[in-house]
Protein backbone atom coordinates (compact mmCIF):
# COMPACT_ATOMS: atom_id res chain seq x y z
CA MET A 1 -3.05 34.02 -43.09
CA ALA A 2 -1.61 31.64 -40.71
CA THR A 3 -1.15 27.99 -41.75
CA ALA A 4 -2.70 25.30 -39.53
CA MET A 5 -0.55 22.38 -38.59
CA ARG A 6 -1.53 19.26 -40.27
CA ALA A 7 -2.06 16.09 -38.32
CA THR A 8 -0.32 13.04 -39.73
CA SER A 9 -0.79 9.28 -39.21
CA PHE A 10 1.94 6.79 -38.17
CA THR A 11 3.02 6.39 -41.76
CA GLY A 12 3.57 10.09 -42.15
CA ALA A 13 0.62 10.60 -44.67
CA PRO A 14 -1.52 13.82 -43.94
CA VAL A 15 -4.69 13.05 -42.16
CA ARG A 16 -7.81 15.31 -42.51
CA LEU A 17 -8.70 17.04 -39.12
CA ALA A 18 -12.45 16.12 -39.59
CA GLN A 19 -11.28 12.29 -39.58
CA THR A 20 -9.45 12.77 -36.31
CA ALA A 21 -12.26 14.65 -34.54
CA ARG A 22 -14.62 11.59 -35.13
CA ARG A 23 -12.26 9.14 -33.57
CA PRO A 24 -13.46 7.73 -30.19
CA LEU A 25 -11.12 8.84 -27.40
CA PRO A 26 -9.34 5.79 -25.64
CA VAL A 27 -11.07 4.85 -22.35
CA PRO A 28 -8.81 4.91 -19.36
CA ILE A 29 -8.45 1.50 -17.55
CA THR A 30 -8.65 1.71 -13.70
CA VAL A 31 -6.90 -1.18 -12.10
CA VAL A 32 -7.37 -1.46 -8.28
CA ALA A 33 -4.31 -2.80 -6.67
CA SER A 34 -4.79 -4.97 -3.87
CA GLN A 35 -3.64 -3.80 -0.23
CA ARG A 36 -0.43 -4.91 1.08
CA VAL A 37 -0.99 -7.25 3.96
CA ILE A 38 1.67 -7.07 6.76
CA GLN A 39 1.85 -9.67 9.75
CA GLY A 40 3.54 -8.65 13.01
CA ARG A 41 3.50 -8.74 16.61
CA VAL A 42 1.80 -6.31 19.13
CA VAL A 43 4.31 -4.68 21.58
CA SER A 44 2.18 -1.97 22.94
CA ALA A 45 -1.48 -1.27 23.48
CA VAL A 46 -1.49 1.63 26.03
CA CYS A 47 -3.19 4.18 23.79
CA GLN A 48 -6.91 4.23 23.21
CA ASN A 49 -7.64 2.73 19.51
CA THR A 50 -3.80 2.75 18.67
CA ILE A 51 -1.39 -0.08 18.88
CA THR A 52 2.23 -0.50 18.10
CA VAL A 53 3.23 -3.38 15.74
CA VAL A 54 6.70 -4.57 15.16
CA VAL A 55 7.18 -6.41 11.93
CA ASP A 56 10.42 -8.52 11.51
CA THR A 57 12.08 -9.27 8.14
CA TYR A 58 15.13 -11.39 7.54
CA ARG A 59 17.67 -10.67 5.04
CA VAL A 60 20.77 -12.55 4.11
CA ASP A 61 24.08 -10.61 4.37
CA ARG A 62 25.93 -10.24 1.13
CA ILE A 63 29.18 -10.80 2.41
CA TYR A 64 28.76 -13.34 5.37
CA GLY A 65 25.71 -15.00 4.23
CA LYS A 66 24.29 -14.77 7.79
CA ARG A 67 20.43 -14.08 8.15
CA VAL A 68 20.04 -10.68 9.86
CA ARG A 69 16.89 -9.54 11.43
CA ARG A 70 15.43 -6.01 10.45
CA SER A 71 12.45 -4.73 12.47
CA LYS A 72 10.06 -1.95 11.87
CA LYS A 73 7.35 -0.33 14.06
CA TYR A 74 3.91 0.74 12.86
CA HIS A 75 1.26 2.69 14.76
CA VAL A 76 -2.08 0.89 13.84
CA HIS A 77 -5.72 1.83 14.31
CA ASP A 78 -7.28 -0.80 16.34
CA GLU A 79 -11.23 0.35 16.40
CA SER A 80 -12.46 -2.44 18.77
CA ASN A 81 -9.59 -2.32 21.29
CA ALA A 82 -9.63 -6.17 21.23
CA VAL A 83 -5.89 -6.46 20.57
CA GLU A 84 -3.51 -7.03 23.54
CA VAL A 85 0.33 -7.15 23.85
CA GLY A 86 1.80 -10.23 22.32
CA ASP A 87 -1.05 -11.04 19.79
CA THR A 88 -0.06 -11.58 16.03
CA VAL A 89 -2.04 -9.49 13.84
CA GLU A 90 -2.31 -8.76 10.04
CA ILE A 91 -2.50 -5.06 9.23
CA VAL A 92 -3.20 -3.22 5.87
CA GLY A 93 -2.45 0.38 4.74
CA CYS A 94 -5.41 2.88 4.76
CA GLN A 95 -5.81 6.65 4.65
CA GLN A 96 -3.64 8.48 7.05
CA MET A 97 -5.22 9.05 10.43
CA SER A 98 -2.48 10.98 12.11
CA LYS A 99 0.99 11.93 11.72
CA THR A 100 2.42 8.44 12.37
CA LYS A 101 -0.67 6.12 11.93
CA SER A 102 -1.51 5.09 8.47
CA HIS A 103 -2.43 1.38 9.06
CA LYS A 104 -5.62 -0.50 10.53
CA VAL A 105 -5.92 -4.11 11.98
CA ASP A 106 -7.29 -6.39 9.29
CA ARG A 107 -7.45 -9.57 11.42
CA ILE A 108 -5.94 -11.15 14.66
CA VAL A 109 -3.95 -14.17 13.54
CA ARG A 110 -3.07 -15.52 17.15
CA LYS A 111 -4.32 -14.48 20.47
CA VAL A 112 -1.78 -14.57 23.28
CA VAL A 113 -2.51 -17.14 26.07
CA LYS A 114 -2.82 -15.81 29.52
CA LEU A 115 -1.78 -18.08 32.46
């Protein structure tokens, strides 16, 4: 006859298995994280429903203390085709739509002025 493993409490005292079966299971807490909003400048609006947004970030060099500009380009989905080159937009991450496109336009912050 095989011996069954005994459940023990935190103090090490044996606990009957019937007691552990009646305990309610812990309910998992689901926390919805807010989307990261990125602000950038539109540099290309040639494709249909897709724009290219460049986001500039500034970092301080560790040695010289000078501000260095880092830029990254994002391919962004624009459903309404209302965005033009030069506009400032806010983008948020979304489900991936293609190989390089996984962001969408949240809102247009500033429209470019045409002369």
